[in-house]
Amino acid sequence: MGLSLSDKKELESLLKFHSLKINQMITFSKNLIPSQGNIEDFAYGFIVGTIIGNYSEKFFQRHNRGPDNDELMDIYFTMSLRSAKIRKTIINELKY
């Protein structure tokens, strides 16, 4: 069945919110990155993980359960559609 319309809107809202805060999240990532890591990859994982984690928590609070397999597929499909834009934004922010 997948995500309901309100759940999809919630995920889109989180994506929009975090896209406005990417610069702050990159700065935070720079303080956390292990010495052997790549800041671009670390920031990408941190940002995507934060979005998915925040959404999962909100989903659980709303439904008193975790997402089922169909809902997880919708979440990851939505994230996959945005992943290139997130990575490109990170690369652009790191140039400056």
PDB file of N, CA and C in Angstrom:
ATOM      1  N   MET A   1       0.816  -1.189   0.000  1.00  0.00           N
ATOM      2  CA  MET A   1       0.000   0.000   0.000  1.00  0.00           C
ATOM      3  C   MET A   1       0.862   1.255   0.000  1.00  0.00           C
ATOM      4  N   GLY A   2       1.922   1.294   0.747  1.00  0.00           N
ATOM      5  CA  GLY A   2       2.815   2.444   0.737  1.00  0.00           C
ATOM      6  C   GLY A   2       2.392   3.536   1.705  1.00  0.00           C
ATOM      7  N   LEU A   3       3.078   4.658   1.610  1.00  0.00           N
ATOM      8  CA  LEU A   3       2.803   5.788   2.502  1.00  0.00           C
ATOM      9  C   LEU A   3       1.499   6.477   2.148  1.00  0.00           C
ATOM     10  N   SER A   4       0.805   6.943   3.170  1.00  0.00           N
ATOM     11  CA  SER A   4      -0.405   7.741   2.939  1.00  0.00           C
ATOM     12  C   SER A   4       0.017   9.119   2.434  1.00  0.00           C
ATOM     13  N   LEU A   5      -0.911   9.875   1.928  1.00  0.00           N
ATOM     14  CA  LEU A   5      -0.627  11.216   1.419  1.00  0.00           C
ATOM     15  C   LEU A   5      -0.053  12.109   2.523  1.00  0.00           C
ATOM     16  N   SER A   6      -0.623  12.025   3.722  1.00  0.00           N
ATOM     17  CA  SER A   6      -0.122  12.858   4.818  1.00  0.00           C
ATOM     18  C   SER A   6       1.294  12.445   5.225  1.00  0.00           C
ATOM     19  N   ASP A   7       1.597  11.134   5.166  1.00  0.00           N
ATOM     20  CA  ASP A   7       2.952  10.672   5.483  1.00  0.00           C
ATOM     21  C   ASP A   7       3.945  11.145   4.418  1.00  0.00           C
ATOM     22  N   LYS A   8       3.542  11.123   3.154  1.00  0.00           N
ATOM     23  CA  LYS A   8       4.408  11.611   2.080  1.00  0.00           C
ATOM     24  C   LYS A   8       4.672  13.102   2.241  1.00  0.00           C
ATOM     25  N   LYS A   9       3.647  13.835   2.620  1.00  0.00           N
ATOM     26  CA  LYS A   9       3.820  15.281   2.833  1.00  0.00           C
ATOM     27  C   LYS A   9       4.773  15.546   3.991  1.00  0.00           C
ATOM     28  N   GLU A  10       4.693  14.729   5.024  1.00  0.00           N
ATOM     29  CA  GLU A  10       5.596  14.868   6.165  1.00  0.00           C
ATOM     30  C   GLU A  10       7.049  14.628   5.740  1.00  0.00           C
ATOM     31  N   LEU A  11       7.283  13.614   4.932  1.00  0.00           N
ATOM     32  CA  LEU A  11       8.627  13.329   4.443  1.00  0.00           C
ATOM     33  C   LEU A  11       9.130  14.477   3.562  1.00  0.00           C
ATOM     34  N   GLU A  12       8.284  14.963   2.667  1.00  0.00           N
ATOM     35  CA  GLU A  12       8.665  16.089   1.815  1.00  0.00           C
ATOM     36  C   GLU A  12       8.980  17.326   2.653  1.00  0.00           C
ATOM     37  N   SER A  13       8.212  17.532   3.710  1.00  0.00           N
ATOM     38  CA  SER A  13       8.448  18.663   4.604  1.00  0.00           C
ATOM     39  C   SER A  13       9.814  18.558   5.277  1.00  0.00           C
ATOM     40  N   LEU A  14      10.176  17.365   5.731  1.00  0.00           N
ATOM     41  CA  LEU A  14      11.489  17.164   6.338  1.00  0.00           C
ATOM     42  C   LEU A  14      12.613  17.365   5.327  1.00  0.00           C
ATOM     43  N   LEU A  15      12.415  16.894   4.118  1.00  0.00           N
ATOM     44  CA  LEU A  15      13.420  17.094   3.072  1.00  0.00           C
ATOM     45  C   LEU A  15      13.627  18.582   2.809  1.00  0.00           C
ATOM     46  N   LYS A  16      12.544  19.315   2.747  1.00  0.00           N
ATOM     47  CA  LYS A  16      12.624  20.755   2.504  1.00  0.00           C
ATOM     48  C   LYS A  16      13.306  21.455   3.679  1.00  0.00           C
ATOM     49  N   PHE A  17      12.916  21.098   4.907  1.00  0.00           N
ATOM     50  CA  PHE A  17      13.486  21.705   6.103  1.00  0.00           C
ATOM     51  C   PHE A  17      14.994  21.482   6.154  1.00  0.00           C
ATOM     52  N   HIS A  18      15.429  20.243   5.938  1.00  0.00           N
ATOM     53  CA  HIS A  18      16.849  19.944   6.026  1.00  0.00           C
ATOM     54  C   HIS A  18      17.631  20.507   4.846  1.00  0.00           C
ATOM     55  N   SER A  19      16.988  20.700   3.705  1.00  0.00           N
ATOM     56  CA  SER A  19      17.695  21.304   2.573  1.00  0.00           C
ATOM     57  C   SER A  19      18.045  22.756   2.877  1.00  0.00           C
ATOM     58  N   LEU A  20      17.254  23.396   3.719  1.00  0.00           N
ATOM     59  CA  LEU A  20      17.544  24.775   4.108  1.00  0.00           C
ATOM     60  C   LEU A  20      18.669  24.852   5.137  1.00  0.00           C
ATOM     61  N   LYS A  21      18.963  23.728   5.784  1.00  0.00           N
ATOM     62  CA  LYS A  21      19.964  23.711   6.852  1.00  0.00           C
ATOM     63  C   LYS A  21      21.233  22.954   6.462  1.00  0.00           C
ATOM     64  N   ILE A  22      21.409  22.685   5.176  1.00  0.00           N
ATOM     65  CA  ILE A  22      22.554  21.874   4.750  1.00  0.00           C
ATOM     66  C   ILE A  22      23.876  22.513   5.163  1.00  0.00           C
ATOM     67  N   ASN A  23      23.991  23.823   5.044  1.00  0.00           N
ATOM     68  CA  ASN A  23      25.243  24.480   5.402  1.00  0.00           C
ATOM     69  C   ASN A  23      25.577  24.246   6.873  1.00  0.00           C
ATOM     70  N   GLN A  24      24.584  24.351   7.746  1.00  0.00           N
ATOM     71  CA  GLN A  24      24.802  24.099   9.169  1.00  0.00           C
ATOM     72  C   GLN A  24      25.193  22.644   9.418  1.00  0.00           C
ATOM     73  N   MET A  25      24.552  21.738   8.706  1.00  0.00           N
ATOM     74  CA  MET A  25      24.833  20.317   8.891  1.00  0.00           C
ATOM     75  C   MET A  25      26.230  19.960   8.378  1.00  0.00           C
ATOM     76  N   ILE A  26      26.669  20.631   7.315  1.00  0.00           N
ATOM     77  CA  ILE A  26      28.031  20.403   6.812  1.00  0.00           C
ATOM     78  C   ILE A  26      29.042  20.899   7.839  1.00  0.00           C
ATOM     79  N   THR A  27      28.794  22.071   8.406  1.00  0.00           N
ATOM     80  CA  THR A  27      29.689  22.602   9.434  1.00  0.00           C
ATOM     81  C   THR A  27      29.775  21.645  10.612  1.00  0.00           C
ATOM     82  N   PHE A  28      28.642  21.120  11.035  1.00  0.00           N
ATOM     83  CA  PHE A  28      28.616  20.146  12.124  1.00  0.00           C
ATOM     84  C   PHE A  28      29.386  18.882  11.725  1.00  0.00           C
ATOM     85  N   SER A  29      29.200  18.447  10.486  1.00  0.00           N
ATOM     86  CA  SER A  29      29.889  17.245   9.989  1.00  0.00           C
ATOM     87  C   SER A  29      31.404  17.429  10.021  1.00  0.00           C
ATOM     88  N   LYS A  30      31.867  18.628   9.687  1.00  0.00           N
ATOM     89  CA  LYS A  30      33.311  18.886   9.687  1.00  0.00           C
ATOM     90  C   LYS A  30      33.904  18.684  11.076  1.00  0.00           C
ATOM     91  N   ASN A  31      33.106  18.951  12.098  1.00  0.00           N
ATOM     92  CA  ASN A  31      33.583  18.760  13.469  1.00  0.00           C
ATOM     93  C   ASN A  31      33.558  17.296  13.895  1.00  0.00           C
ATOM     94  N   LEU A  32      32.801  16.471  13.214  1.00  0.00           N
ATOM     95  CA  LEU A  32      32.653  15.069  13.593  1.00  0.00           C
ATOM     96  C   LEU A  32      33.486  14.103  12.762  1.00  0.00           C
ATOM     97  N   ILE A  33      33.876  14.520  11.577  1.00  0.00           N
ATOM     98  CA  ILE A  33      34.490  13.589  10.619  1.00  0.00           C
ATOM     99  C   ILE A  33      35.759  12.941  11.179  1.00  0.00           C
ATOM    100  N   PRO A  34      35.836  11.643  11.047  1.00  0.00           N
ATOM    101  CA  PRO A  34      37.066  10.955  11.450  1.00  0.00           C
ATOM    102  C   PRO A  34      38.221  11.370  10.540  1.00  0.00           C
ATOM    103  N   SER A  35      39.422  11.264  11.011  1.00  0.00           N
ATOM    104  CA  SER A  35      40.581  11.728  10.235  1.00  0.00           C
ATOM    105  C   SER A  35      40.765  10.969   8.916  1.00  0.00           C
ATOM    106  N   GLN A  36      40.311   9.743   8.838  1.00  0.00           N
ATOM    107  CA  GLN A  36      40.487   8.973   7.616  1.00  0.00           C
ATOM    108  C   GLN A  36      39.330   9.139   6.632  1.00  0.00           C
ATOM    109  N   GLY A  37      38.324   9.927   6.977  1.00  0.00           N
ATOM    110  CA  GLY A  37      37.124  10.031   6.152  1.00  0.00           C
ATOM    111  C   GLY A  37      37.157  11.144   5.121  1.00  0.00           C
ATOM    112  N   ASN A  38      36.151  11.133   4.289  1.00  0.00           N
ATOM    113  CA  ASN A  38      35.945  12.132   3.253  1.00  0.00           C
ATOM    114  C   ASN A  38      34.765  12.997   3.699  1.00  0.00           C
ATOM    115  N   ILE A  39      34.935  14.291   3.769  1.00  0.00           N
ATOM    116  CA  ILE A  39      33.886  15.175   4.290  1.00  0.00           C
ATOM    117  C   ILE A  39      32.623  15.120   3.427  1.00  0.00           C
ATOM    118  N   GLU A  40      32.775  15.006   2.125  1.00  0.00           N
ATOM    119  CA  GLU A  40      31.599  14.943   1.246  1.00  0.00           C
ATOM    120  C   GLU A  40      30.750  13.714   1.554  1.00  0.00           C
ATOM    121  N   ASP A  41      31.390  12.558   1.640  1.00  0.00           N
ATOM    122  CA  ASP A  41      30.664  11.321   1.923  1.00  0.00           C
ATOM    123  C   ASP A  41      30.087  11.322   3.338  1.00  0.00           C
ATOM    124  N   PHE A  42      30.882  11.811   4.278  1.00  0.00           N
ATOM    125  CA  PHE A  42      30.423  11.846   5.663  1.00  0.00           C
ATOM    126  C   PHE A  42      29.207  12.769   5.809  1.00  0.00           C
ATOM    127  N   ALA A  43      29.282  13.965   5.224  1.00  0.00           N
ATOM    128  CA  ALA A  43      28.169  14.918   5.309  1.00  0.00           C
ATOM    129  C   ALA A  43      26.921  14.348   4.638  1.00  0.00           C
ATOM    130  N   TYR A  44      27.096  13.696   3.499  1.00  0.00           N
ATOM    131  CA  TYR A  44      25.956  13.097   2.794  1.00  0.00           C
ATOM    132  C   TYR A  44      25.283  12.038   3.669  1.00  0.00           C
ATOM    133  N   GLY A  45      26.074  11.146   4.232  1.00  0.00           N
ATOM    134  CA  GLY A  45      25.519  10.106   5.102  1.00  0.00           C
ATOM    135  C   GLY A  45      24.862  10.689   6.338  1.00  0.00           C
ATOM    136  N   PHE A  46      25.487  11.692   6.898  1.00  0.00           N
ATOM    137  CA  PHE A  46      24.943  12.345   8.092  1.00  0.00           C
ATOM    138  C   PHE A  46      23.601  13.017   7.787  1.00  0.00           C
ATOM    139  N   ILE A  47      23.526  13.737   6.681  1.00  0.00           N
ATOM    140  CA  ILE A  47      22.301  14.459   6.320  1.00  0.00           C
ATOM    141  C   ILE A  47      21.179  13.486   5.967  1.00  0.00           C
ATOM    142  N   VAL A  48      21.456  12.512   5.124  1.00  0.00           N
ATOM    143  CA  VAL A  48      20.432  11.536   4.737  1.00  0.00           C
ATOM    144  C   VAL A  48      19.990  10.723   5.956  1.00  0.00           C
ATOM    145  N   GLY A  49      20.948  10.320   6.773  1.00  0.00           N
ATOM    146  CA  GLY A  49      20.615   9.573   7.989  1.00  0.00           C
ATOM    147  C   GLY A  49      19.765  10.385   8.946  1.00  0.00           C
ATOM    148  N   THR A  50      20.050  11.672   9.057  1.00  0.00           N
ATOM    149  CA  THR A  50      19.262  12.551   9.919  1.00  0.00           C
ATOM    150  C   THR A  50      17.831  12.663   9.411  1.00  0.00           C
ATOM    151  N   ILE A  51      17.674  12.822   8.114  1.00  0.00           N
ATOM    152  CA  ILE A  51      16.327  12.940   7.527  1.00  0.00           C
ATOM    153  C   ILE A  51      15.542  11.648   7.759  1.00  0.00           C
ATOM    154  N   ILE A  52      16.141  10.516   7.448  1.00  0.00           N
ATOM    155  CA  ILE A  52      15.444   9.233   7.619  1.00  0.00           C
ATOM    156  C   ILE A  52      15.145   8.973   9.089  1.00  0.00           C
ATOM    157  N   GLY A  53      16.104   9.263   9.955  1.00  0.00           N
ATOM    158  CA  GLY A  53      15.896   9.075  11.395  1.00  0.00           C
ATOM    159  C   GLY A  53      14.777   9.952  11.935  1.00  0.00           C
ATOM    160  N   ASN A  54      14.772  11.227  11.539  1.00  0.00           N
ATOM    161  CA  ASN A  54      13.703  12.130  11.979  1.00  0.00           C
ATOM    162  C   ASN A  54      12.348  11.664  11.468  1.00  0.00           C
ATOM    163  N   TYR A  55      12.313  11.253  10.212  1.00  0.00           N
ATOM    164  CA  TYR A  55      11.050  10.802   9.651  1.00  0.00           C
ATOM    165  C   TYR A  55      10.565   9.526  10.338  1.00  0.00           C
ATOM    166  N   SER A  56      11.471   8.592  10.580  1.00  0.00           N
ATOM    167  CA  SER A  56      11.093   7.342  11.239  1.00  0.00           C
ATOM    168  C   SER A  56      10.513   7.593  12.621  1.00  0.00           C
ATOM    169  N   GLU A  57      11.106   8.516  13.359  1.00  0.00           N
ATOM    170  CA  GLU A  57      10.611   8.854  14.694  1.00  0.00           C
ATOM    171  C   GLU A  57       9.220   9.486  14.619  1.00  0.00           C
ATOM    172  N   LYS A  58       9.024  10.408  13.679  1.00  0.00           N
ATOM    173  CA  LYS A  58       7.709  11.037  13.518  1.00  0.00           C
ATOM    174  C   LYS A  58       6.662  10.004  13.091  1.00  0.00           C
ATOM    175  N   PHE A  59       7.068   9.090  12.216  1.00  0.00           N
ATOM    176  CA  PHE A  59       6.160   8.033  11.769  1.00  0.00           C
ATOM    177  C   PHE A  59       5.736   7.177  12.953  1.00  0.00           C
ATOM    178  N   PHE A  60       6.712   6.790  13.773  1.00  0.00           N
ATOM    179  CA  PHE A  60       6.404   5.964  14.940  1.00  0.00           C
ATOM    180  C   PHE A  60       5.479   6.699  15.902  1.00  0.00           C
ATOM    181  N   GLN A  61       5.721   7.971  16.135  1.00  0.00           N
ATOM    182  CA  GLN A  61       4.860   8.744  17.031  1.00  0.00           C
ATOM    183  C   GLN A  61       3.436   8.840  16.499  1.00  0.00           C
ATOM    184  N   ARG A  62       3.295   8.944  15.193  1.00  0.00           N
ATOM    185  CA  ARG A  62       1.983   9.079  14.578  1.00  0.00           C
ATOM    186  C   ARG A  62       1.217   7.760  14.547  1.00  0.00           C
ATOM    187  N   HIS A  63       1.933   6.657  14.270  1.00  0.00           N
ATOM    188  CA  HIS A  63       1.253   5.372  14.026  1.00  0.00           C
ATOM    189  C   HIS A  63       1.483   4.320  15.109  1.00  0.00           C
ATOM    190  N   ASN A  64       2.334   4.610  16.079  1.00  0.00           N
ATOM    191  CA  ASN A  64       2.677   3.647  17.140  1.00  0.00           C
ATOM    192  C   ASN A  64       3.247   2.345  16.589  1.00  0.00           C
ATOM    193  N   ARG A  65       3.971   2.442  15.488  1.00  0.00           N
ATOM    194  CA  ARG A  65       4.644   1.301  14.859  1.00  0.00           C
ATOM    195  C   ARG A  65       5.662   1.845  13.867  1.00  0.00           C
ATOM    196  N   GLY A  66       6.566   0.991  13.490  1.00  0.00           N
ATOM    197  CA  GLY A  66       7.504   1.362  12.435  1.00  0.00           C
ATOM    198  C   GLY A  66       6.873   1.167  11.068  1.00  0.00           C
ATOM    199  N   PRO A  67       7.485   1.727  10.032  1.00  0.00           N
ATOM    200  CA  PRO A  67       6.953   1.548   8.668  1.00  0.00           C
ATOM    201  C   PRO A  67       7.030   0.086   8.229  1.00  0.00           C
ATOM    202  N   ASP A  68       6.004  -0.371   7.502  1.00  0.00           N
ATOM    203  CA  ASP A  68       6.050  -1.729   6.960  1.00  0.00           C
ATOM    204  C   ASP A  68       6.916  -1.727   5.688  1.00  0.00           C
ATOM    205  N   ASN A  69       7.035  -2.874   5.051  1.00  0.00           N
ATOM    206  CA  ASN A  69       7.916  -2.982   3.878  1.00  0.00           C
ATOM    207  C   ASN A  69       7.522  -2.053   2.737  1.00  0.00           C
ATOM    208  N   ASP A  70       6.225  -1.941   2.454  1.00  0.00           N
ATOM    209  CA  ASP A  70       5.774  -1.055   1.378  1.00  0.00           C
ATOM    210  C   ASP A  70       6.067   0.410   1.717  1.00  0.00           C
ATOM    211  N   GLU A  71       5.862   0.771   2.962  1.00  0.00           N
ATOM    212  CA  GLU A  71       6.133   2.148   3.388  1.00  0.00           C
ATOM    213  C   GLU A  71       7.631   2.442   3.341  1.00  0.00           C
ATOM    214  N   LEU A  72       8.440   1.466   3.741  1.00  0.00           N
ATOM    215  CA  LEU A  72       9.891   1.635   3.655  1.00  0.00           C
ATOM    216  C   LEU A  72      10.336   1.833   2.203  1.00  0.00           C
ATOM    217  N   MET A  73       9.729   1.083   1.298  1.00  0.00           N
ATOM    218  CA  MET A  73      10.057   1.239  -0.129  1.00  0.00           C
ATOM    219  C   MET A  73       9.741   2.657  -0.595  1.00  0.00           C
ATOM    220  N   ASP A  74       8.601   3.205  -0.179  1.00  0.00           N
ATOM    221  CA  ASP A  74       8.253   4.580  -0.535  1.00  0.00           C
ATOM    222  C   ASP A  74       9.255   5.580   0.036  1.00  0.00           C
ATOM    223  N   ILE A  75       9.641   5.362   1.284  1.00  0.00           N
ATOM    224  CA  ILE A  75      10.608   6.265   1.923  1.00  0.00           C
ATOM    225  C   ILE A  75      11.918   6.241   1.144  1.00  0.00           C
ATOM    226  N   TYR A  76      12.448   5.064   0.886  1.00  0.00           N
ATOM    227  CA  TYR A  76      13.733   4.965   0.195  1.00  0.00           C
ATOM    228  C   TYR A  76      13.634   5.401  -1.264  1.00  0.00           C
ATOM    229  N   PHE A  77      12.494   5.176  -1.894  1.00  0.00           N
ATOM    230  CA  PHE A  77      12.319   5.661  -3.267  1.00  0.00           C
ATOM    231  C   PHE A  77      12.341   7.188  -3.292  1.00  0.00           C
ATOM    232  N   THR A  78      11.624   7.810  -2.359  1.00  0.00           N
ATOM    233  CA  THR A  78      11.605   9.269  -2.282  1.00  0.00           C
ATOM    234  C   THR A  78      13.006   9.810  -2.015  1.00  0.00           C
ATOM    235  N   MET A  79      13.720   9.168  -1.103  1.00  0.00           N
ATOM    236  CA  MET A  79      15.083   9.604  -0.794  1.00  0.00           C
ATOM    237  C   MET A  79      16.000   9.419  -2.004  1.00  0.00           C
ATOM    238  N   SER A  80      15.809   8.341  -2.749  1.00  0.00           N
ATOM    239  CA  SER A  80      16.668   8.106  -3.915  1.00  0.00           C
ATOM    240  C   SER A  80      16.447   9.172  -4.985  1.00  0.00           C
ATOM    241  N   LEU A  81      15.224   9.673  -5.088  1.00  0.00           N
ATOM    242  CA  LEU A  81      14.943  10.739  -6.048  1.00  0.00           C
ATOM    243  C   LEU A  81      15.639  12.036  -5.656  1.00  0.00           C
ATOM    244  N   ARG A  82      15.868  12.235  -4.379  1.00  0.00           N
ATOM    245  CA  ARG A  82      16.480  13.472  -3.878  1.00  0.00           C
ATOM    246  C   ARG A  82      17.974  13.347  -3.615  1.00  0.00           C
ATOM    247  N   SER A  83      18.494  12.142  -3.629  1.00  0.00           N
ATOM    248  CA  SER A  83      19.884  11.945  -3.203  1.00  0.00           C
ATOM    249  C   SER A  83      20.896  12.692  -4.073  1.00  0.00           C
ATOM    250  N   ALA A  84      20.692  12.723  -5.372  1.00  0.00           N
ATOM    251  CA  ALA A  84      21.635  13.425  -6.247  1.00  0.00           C
ATOM    252  C   ALA A  84      21.632  14.924  -5.948  1.00  0.00           C
ATOM    253  N   LYS A  85      20.462  15.482  -5.702  1.00  0.00           N
ATOM    254  CA  LYS A  85      20.373  16.912  -5.394  1.00  0.00           C
ATOM    255  C   LYS A  85      21.040  17.214  -4.048  1.00  0.00           C
ATOM    256  N   ILE A  86      20.843  16.341  -3.075  1.00  0.00           N
ATOM    257  CA  ILE A  86      21.478  16.531  -1.764  1.00  0.00           C
ATOM    258  C   ILE A  86      22.995  16.509  -1.919  1.00  0.00           C
ATOM    259  N   ARG A  87      23.509  15.519  -2.643  1.00  0.00           N
ATOM    260  CA  ARG A  87      24.959  15.409  -2.835  1.00  0.00           C
ATOM    261  C   ARG A  87      25.505  16.621  -3.599  1.00  0.00           C
ATOM    262  N   LYS A  88      24.793  17.056  -4.625  1.00  0.00           N
ATOM    263  CA  LYS A  88      25.248  18.217  -5.412  1.00  0.00           C
ATOM    264  C   LYS A  88      25.274  19.471  -4.549  1.00  0.00           C
ATOM    265  N   THR A  89      24.281  19.637  -3.699  1.00  0.00           N
ATOM    266  CA  THR A  89      24.243  20.786  -2.797  1.00  0.00           C
ATOM    267  C   THR A  89      25.423  20.751  -1.841  1.00  0.00           C
ATOM    268  N   ILE A  90      25.752  19.580  -1.326  1.00  0.00           N
ATOM    269  CA  ILE A  90      26.906  19.432  -0.433  1.00  0.00           C
ATOM    270  C   ILE A  90      28.191  19.815  -1.166  1.00  0.00           C
ATOM    271  N   ILE A  91      28.374  19.300  -2.367  1.00  0.00           N
ATOM    272  CA  ILE A  91      29.574  19.603  -3.153  1.00  0.00           C
ATOM    273  C   ILE A  91      29.676  21.107  -3.393  1.00  0.00           C
ATOM    274  N   ASN A  92      28.556  21.730  -3.757  1.00  0.00           N
ATOM    275  CA  ASN A  92      28.565  23.178  -3.999  1.00  0.00           C
ATOM    276  C   ASN A  92      28.888  23.965  -2.739  1.00  0.00           C
ATOM    277  N   GLU A  93      28.366  23.541  -1.609  1.00  0.00           N
ATOM    278  CA  GLU A  93      28.640  24.233  -0.346  1.00  0.00           C
ATOM    279  C   GLU A  93      30.103  24.078   0.062  1.00  0.00           C
ATOM    280  N   LEU A  94      30.684  22.924  -0.225  1.00  0.00           N
ATOM    281  CA  LEU A  94      32.081  22.694   0.153  1.00  0.00           C
ATOM    282  C   LEU A  94      33.061  23.457  -0.717  1.00  0.00           C
ATOM    283  N   LYS A  95      32.620  23.910  -1.876  1.00  0.00           N
ATOM    284  CA  LYS A  95      33.488  24.693  -2.759  1.00  0.00           C
ATOM    285  C   LYS A  95      33.786  26.066  -2.158  1.00  0.00           C
ATOM    286  N   TYR A  96      32.905  26.553  -1.318  1.00  0.00           N
ATOM    287  CA  TYR A  96      33.053  27.923  -0.797  1.00  0.00           C
ATOM    288  C   TYR A  96      33.594  27.945   0.574  1.00  0.00           C
TER     289      TYR A  96
END
